[in-house]
Amino acid sequence: MSTLPPCPQCHDEYAYPDGDLLICPSCGHEWHPGETTPSEAAKIWKDANGNVLQDGDTVTLVKDLKIKGSSAVVKVGTKVKNIRLIEGDHDIDCKIDGFGPMQLKSGFVKKV
């Protein structure tokens, strides 16, 4: 039995062949087995304005963010220094003065 690669979009392991395509039953994504997906290429992180982010950049928040599990709010305009880019839904790892370490989404920040 041959093993098929997981879906490049949702990473479901139950993809099945249909002719020369592979199809994911969970999300409906169709792809050719040999094609390179955007996630396999070099990942580029962009801020809310479309500027490319890099490790060590300084950013500011463009939206008030509630902290999960707390009543505290990180206010718009808060400056975050020395960010670190990571894979995942929350793709910025940082430390905010007065709040401590946390992860942010790149869509809620702008590069300074």
N, C-alpha and C. Protein backbone atom coordinates (compact mmCIF):
# COMPACT_ATOMS: atom_id res chain seq x y z
N MET A 1 0.83 -1.18 0.00
CA MET A 1 0.00 0.00 0.00
C MET A 1 0.88 1.24 0.00
N SER A 2 0.60 2.17 -0.90
CA SER A 2 1.40 3.39 -0.97
C SER A 2 0.82 4.45 -0.02
N THR A 3 1.69 5.29 0.50
CA THR A 3 1.23 6.35 1.38
C THR A 3 1.18 7.65 0.59
N LEU A 4 0.08 8.34 0.71
CA LEU A 4 -0.11 9.60 0.02
C LEU A 4 0.24 10.75 0.95
N PRO A 5 0.73 11.86 0.39
CA PRO A 5 1.08 12.99 1.25
C PRO A 5 -0.18 13.64 1.84
N PRO A 6 -0.06 14.29 3.00
CA PRO A 6 -1.22 14.98 3.58
C PRO A 6 -1.57 16.22 2.77
N CYS A 7 -2.75 16.73 2.99
CA CYS A 7 -3.22 17.93 2.29
C CYS A 7 -2.32 19.12 2.65
N PRO A 8 -1.85 19.88 1.65
CA PRO A 8 -0.99 21.03 1.95
C PRO A 8 -1.73 22.20 2.61
N GLN A 9 -3.05 22.23 2.55
CA GLN A 9 -3.79 23.33 3.18
C GLN A 9 -4.20 23.02 4.61
N CYS A 10 -4.89 21.90 4.81
CA CYS A 10 -5.40 21.60 6.15
C CYS A 10 -4.62 20.47 6.85
N HIS A 11 -3.67 19.87 6.15
CA HIS A 11 -2.81 18.79 6.68
C HIS A 11 -3.59 17.54 7.08
N ASP A 12 -4.75 17.33 6.46
CA ASP A 12 -5.52 16.11 6.69
C ASP A 12 -4.79 14.95 6.02
N GLU A 13 -4.74 13.82 6.67
CA GLU A 13 -3.98 12.68 6.15
C GLU A 13 -4.80 11.75 5.25
N TYR A 14 -6.07 12.06 5.00
CA TYR A 14 -6.93 11.17 4.25
C TYR A 14 -7.14 11.59 2.79
N ALA A 15 -6.09 12.14 2.15
CA ALA A 15 -6.19 12.52 0.74
C ALA A 15 -6.33 11.25 -0.11
N TYR A 16 -7.03 11.41 -1.25
CA TYR A 16 -7.19 10.26 -2.14
C TYR A 16 -6.91 10.70 -3.57
N PRO A 17 -6.44 9.75 -4.43
CA PRO A 17 -6.14 10.09 -5.82
C PRO A 17 -7.40 10.09 -6.67
N ASP A 18 -7.41 11.00 -7.66
CA ASP A 18 -8.48 11.06 -8.65
C ASP A 18 -7.83 11.43 -9.97
N GLY A 19 -7.50 10.44 -10.75
CA GLY A 19 -6.74 10.68 -11.98
C GLY A 19 -5.32 11.09 -11.62
N ASP A 20 -4.86 12.23 -12.12
CA ASP A 20 -3.51 12.68 -11.78
C ASP A 20 -3.51 13.69 -10.64
N LEU A 21 -4.66 13.93 -10.00
CA LEU A 21 -4.77 14.86 -8.88
C LEU A 21 -4.94 14.10 -7.57
N LEU A 22 -4.59 14.77 -6.48
CA LEU A 22 -4.92 14.29 -5.15
C LEU A 22 -5.99 15.23 -4.60
N ILE A 23 -6.96 14.68 -3.87
CA ILE A 23 -8.08 15.46 -3.35
C ILE A 23 -8.19 15.23 -1.85
N CYS A 24 -8.42 16.32 -1.14
CA CYS A 24 -8.62 16.26 0.31
C CYS A 24 -10.11 16.21 0.59
N PRO A 25 -10.60 15.19 1.30
CA PRO A 25 -12.04 15.11 1.60
C PRO A 25 -12.49 16.12 2.65
N SER A 26 -11.57 16.63 3.46
CA SER A 26 -11.95 17.57 4.51
C SER A 26 -12.19 18.98 3.99
N CYS A 27 -11.23 19.50 3.20
CA CYS A 27 -11.36 20.89 2.75
C CYS A 27 -11.64 21.02 1.25
N GLY A 28 -11.54 19.91 0.50
CA GLY A 28 -11.84 19.94 -0.93
C GLY A 28 -10.70 20.43 -1.80
N HIS A 29 -9.53 20.64 -1.22
CA HIS A 29 -8.37 21.12 -1.98
C HIS A 29 -7.89 20.04 -2.94
N GLU A 30 -7.58 20.45 -4.18
CA GLU A 30 -7.05 19.54 -5.20
C GLU A 30 -5.65 20.01 -5.57
N TRP A 31 -4.71 19.07 -5.70
CA TRP A 31 -3.35 19.42 -6.07
C TRP A 31 -2.67 18.27 -6.79
N HIS A 32 -1.63 18.62 -7.54
CA HIS A 32 -0.79 17.62 -8.19
C HIS A 32 0.24 17.14 -7.18
N PRO A 33 0.54 15.85 -7.12
CA PRO A 33 1.44 15.34 -6.09
C PRO A 33 2.83 15.97 -6.10
N GLY A 34 3.34 16.41 -7.25
CA GLY A 34 4.70 16.93 -7.30
C GLY A 34 4.82 18.43 -7.17
N GLU A 35 3.70 19.16 -7.12
CA GLU A 35 3.80 20.62 -7.11
C GLU A 35 4.23 21.15 -5.76
N THR A 36 4.97 22.24 -5.78
CA THR A 36 5.42 22.88 -4.55
C THR A 36 4.32 23.79 -4.05
N THR A 37 4.03 23.69 -2.77
CA THR A 37 2.98 24.52 -2.19
C THR A 37 3.60 25.78 -1.60
N PRO A 38 2.83 26.83 -1.41
CA PRO A 38 3.36 28.06 -0.83
C PRO A 38 3.95 27.84 0.57
N SER A 39 3.41 26.88 1.33
CA SER A 39 3.94 26.64 2.67
C SER A 39 5.31 26.00 2.62
N GLU A 40 5.64 25.28 1.53
CA GLU A 40 6.96 24.68 1.41
C GLU A 40 7.98 25.69 0.92
N ALA A 41 7.54 26.74 0.24
CA ALA A 41 8.44 27.78 -0.21
C ALA A 41 8.81 28.65 0.99
N ALA A 42 9.71 29.58 0.78
CA ALA A 42 10.14 30.46 1.87
C ALA A 42 8.94 31.28 2.36
N LYS A 43 8.67 31.21 3.64
CA LYS A 43 7.53 31.90 4.24
C LYS A 43 7.86 33.38 4.35
N ILE A 44 6.91 34.23 3.95
CA ILE A 44 7.07 35.68 4.06
C ILE A 44 5.96 36.19 4.96
N TRP A 45 6.33 36.90 6.01
CA TRP A 45 5.37 37.47 6.94
C TRP A 45 5.18 38.94 6.58
N LYS A 46 3.92 39.39 6.56
CA LYS A 46 3.61 40.78 6.24
C LYS A 46 2.74 41.38 7.33
N ASP A 47 2.93 42.69 7.55
CA ASP A 47 2.12 43.38 8.56
C ASP A 47 0.78 43.81 7.97
N ALA A 48 0.01 44.58 8.72
CA ALA A 48 -1.31 44.99 8.28
C ALA A 48 -1.27 45.86 7.03
N ASN A 49 -0.15 46.54 6.78
CA ASN A 49 -0.01 47.41 5.61
C ASN A 49 0.66 46.71 4.44
N GLY A 50 1.05 45.47 4.60
CA GLY A 50 1.70 44.73 3.52
C GLY A 50 3.21 44.82 3.51
N ASN A 51 3.81 45.43 4.53
CA ASN A 51 5.27 45.50 4.63
C ASN A 51 5.82 44.17 5.11
N VAL A 52 6.96 43.76 4.57
CA VAL A 52 7.57 42.49 4.94
C VAL A 52 8.22 42.62 6.32
N LEU A 53 7.92 41.66 7.21
CA LEU A 53 8.49 41.64 8.55
C LEU A 53 9.68 40.70 8.62
N GLN A 54 10.64 41.03 9.50
CA GLN A 54 11.81 40.19 9.73
C GLN A 54 12.04 40.08 11.23
N ASP A 55 12.81 39.05 11.62
CA ASP A 55 13.18 38.90 13.02
C ASP A 55 13.91 40.16 13.48
N GLY A 56 13.59 40.62 14.70
CA GLY A 56 14.26 41.78 15.27
C GLY A 56 13.60 43.11 14.96
N ASP A 57 12.57 43.12 14.13
CA ASP A 57 11.88 44.38 13.79
C ASP A 57 11.14 44.92 15.01
N THR A 58 10.83 46.22 14.93
CA THR A 58 9.98 46.87 15.92
C THR A 58 8.65 47.17 15.25
N VAL A 59 7.55 46.82 15.92
CA VAL A 59 6.21 47.01 15.37
C VAL A 59 5.33 47.71 16.39
N THR A 60 4.21 48.26 15.94
CA THR A 60 3.20 48.81 16.83
C THR A 60 1.86 48.14 16.53
N LEU A 61 1.02 48.07 17.53
CA LEU A 61 -0.30 47.45 17.37
C LEU A 61 -1.24 48.42 16.66
N VAL A 62 -2.08 47.90 15.78
CA VAL A 62 -3.05 48.72 15.06
C VAL A 62 -4.47 48.51 15.59
N LYS A 63 -4.60 47.70 16.65
CA LYS A 63 -5.91 47.37 17.21
C LYS A 63 -5.74 47.04 18.69
N ASP A 64 -6.72 47.40 19.51
CA ASP A 64 -6.72 46.97 20.91
C ASP A 64 -6.87 45.46 20.95
N LEU A 65 -6.04 44.79 21.74
CA LEU A 65 -6.09 43.33 21.83
C LEU A 65 -6.37 42.91 23.26
N LYS A 66 -7.44 42.15 23.43
CA LYS A 66 -7.76 41.59 24.75
C LYS A 66 -6.83 40.42 25.00
N ILE A 67 -6.36 40.29 26.22
CA ILE A 67 -5.49 39.18 26.59
C ILE A 67 -6.37 38.05 27.10
N LYS A 68 -6.23 36.90 26.45
CA LYS A 68 -7.05 35.74 26.79
C LYS A 68 -6.79 35.32 28.25
N GLY A 69 -7.84 35.13 28.99
CA GLY A 69 -7.74 34.70 30.38
C GLY A 69 -7.49 35.83 31.35
N SER A 70 -7.61 37.07 30.88
CA SER A 70 -7.37 38.22 31.73
C SER A 70 -8.32 39.34 31.32
N SER A 71 -8.47 40.33 32.18
CA SER A 71 -9.30 41.47 31.83
C SER A 71 -8.46 42.60 31.24
N ALA A 72 -7.15 42.39 31.12
CA ALA A 72 -6.24 43.41 30.60
C ALA A 72 -6.36 43.53 29.08
N VAL A 73 -6.05 44.72 28.57
CA VAL A 73 -6.09 45.00 27.14
C VAL A 73 -4.78 45.67 26.75
N VAL A 74 -4.18 45.19 25.66
CA VAL A 74 -3.00 45.84 25.11
C VAL A 74 -3.53 46.88 24.13
N LYS A 75 -3.22 48.14 24.38
CA LYS A 75 -3.81 49.26 23.63
C LYS A 75 -3.17 49.45 22.26
N VAL A 76 -3.95 50.04 21.34
CA VAL A 76 -3.47 50.39 20.02
C VAL A 76 -2.30 51.36 20.17
N GLY A 77 -1.28 51.21 19.34
CA GLY A 77 -0.11 52.08 19.40
C GLY A 77 0.99 51.56 20.30
N THR A 78 0.75 50.45 21.01
CA THR A 78 1.79 49.88 21.87
C THR A 78 2.94 49.41 21.00
N LYS A 79 4.16 49.83 21.36
CA LYS A 79 5.35 49.48 20.60
C LYS A 79 5.91 48.15 21.11
N VAL A 80 6.21 47.26 20.18
CA VAL A 80 6.78 45.95 20.51
C VAL A 80 8.13 45.85 19.82
N LYS A 81 9.18 45.70 20.61
CA LYS A 81 10.54 45.67 20.05
C LYS A 81 11.03 44.23 19.93
N ASN A 82 11.93 44.02 18.99
CA ASN A 82 12.66 42.77 18.84
C ASN A 82 11.73 41.56 18.70
N ILE A 83 10.89 41.57 17.68
CA ILE A 83 9.97 40.45 17.46
C ILE A 83 10.70 39.24 16.90
N ARG A 84 10.09 38.08 17.06
CA ARG A 84 10.61 36.85 16.49
C ARG A 84 9.48 36.20 15.71
N LEU A 85 9.74 35.87 14.45
CA LEU A 85 8.71 35.29 13.58
C LEU A 85 8.71 33.77 13.72
N ILE A 86 7.51 33.21 13.85
CA ILE A 86 7.36 31.76 14.04
C ILE A 86 6.25 31.26 13.12
N GLU A 87 6.17 29.97 12.92
CA GLU A 87 5.10 29.34 12.14
C GLU A 87 3.87 29.22 13.02
N GLY A 88 2.71 29.29 12.41
CA GLY A 88 1.47 29.08 13.14
C GLY A 88 0.48 30.20 12.94
N ASP A 89 -0.66 30.08 13.61
CA ASP A 89 -1.73 31.07 13.51
C ASP A 89 -1.27 32.42 14.08
N HIS A 90 -0.72 32.40 15.27
CA HIS A 90 -0.13 33.58 15.87
C HIS A 90 1.35 33.52 15.51
N ASP A 91 1.77 34.34 14.55
CA ASP A 91 3.08 34.15 13.95
C ASP A 91 4.16 35.11 14.43
N ILE A 92 3.90 35.89 15.47
CA ILE A 92 4.91 36.76 16.07
C ILE A 92 5.06 36.38 17.54
N ASP A 93 6.27 36.08 17.94
CA ASP A 93 6.58 35.80 19.33
C ASP A 93 7.30 37.03 19.87
N CYS A 94 6.84 37.58 20.99
CA CYS A 94 7.42 38.82 21.47
C CYS A 94 7.24 38.94 22.98
N LYS A 95 7.82 40.01 23.52
CA LYS A 95 7.66 40.34 24.92
C LYS A 95 7.19 41.79 24.98
N ILE A 96 6.03 42.02 25.60
CA ILE A 96 5.48 43.37 25.69
C ILE A 96 5.67 43.87 27.12
N ASP A 97 6.27 45.07 27.24
CA ASP A 97 6.52 45.66 28.56
C ASP A 97 5.21 45.80 29.33
N GLY A 98 5.19 45.32 30.55
CA GLY A 98 4.01 45.40 31.40
C GLY A 98 3.06 44.22 31.24
N PHE A 99 3.24 43.40 30.20
CA PHE A 99 2.36 42.26 29.97
C PHE A 99 3.11 40.93 29.93
N GLY A 100 4.39 40.95 29.52
CA GLY A 100 5.19 39.75 29.46
C GLY A 100 5.20 39.11 28.08
N PRO A 101 5.65 37.85 28.00
CA PRO A 101 5.74 37.19 26.69
C PRO A 101 4.36 36.82 26.15
N MET A 102 4.20 36.98 24.85
CA MET A 102 2.95 36.59 24.20
C MET A 102 3.17 36.44 22.71
N GLN A 103 2.16 35.92 22.04
CA GLN A 103 2.20 35.74 20.59
C GLN A 103 1.12 36.61 19.96
N LEU A 104 1.45 37.21 18.81
CA LEU A 104 0.53 38.09 18.10
C LEU A 104 0.35 37.62 16.68
N LYS A 105 -0.72 38.06 16.05
CA LYS A 105 -0.94 37.81 14.62
C LYS A 105 -0.34 38.98 13.86
N SER A 106 0.32 38.69 12.76
CA SER A 106 0.99 39.74 11.99
C SER A 106 0.00 40.73 11.39
N GLY A 107 -1.26 40.36 11.24
CA GLY A 107 -2.26 41.26 10.69
C GLY A 107 -2.68 42.38 11.64
N PHE A 108 -2.28 42.30 12.91
CA PHE A 108 -2.65 43.30 13.90
C PHE A 108 -1.50 44.24 14.25
N VAL A 109 -0.42 44.21 13.49
CA VAL A 109 0.73 45.07 13.76
C VAL A 109 1.15 45.81 12.49
N LYS A 110 1.87 46.90 12.67
CA LYS A 110 2.50 47.59 11.54
C LYS A 110 3.95 47.86 11.89
N LYS A 111 4.79 47.77 10.87
CA LYS A 111 6.22 47.96 11.05
C LYS A 111 6.51 49.43 11.30
N VAL A 112 7.45 49.70 12.22
CA VAL A 112 7.84 51.08 12.53
C VAL A 112 8.98 51.48 11.62
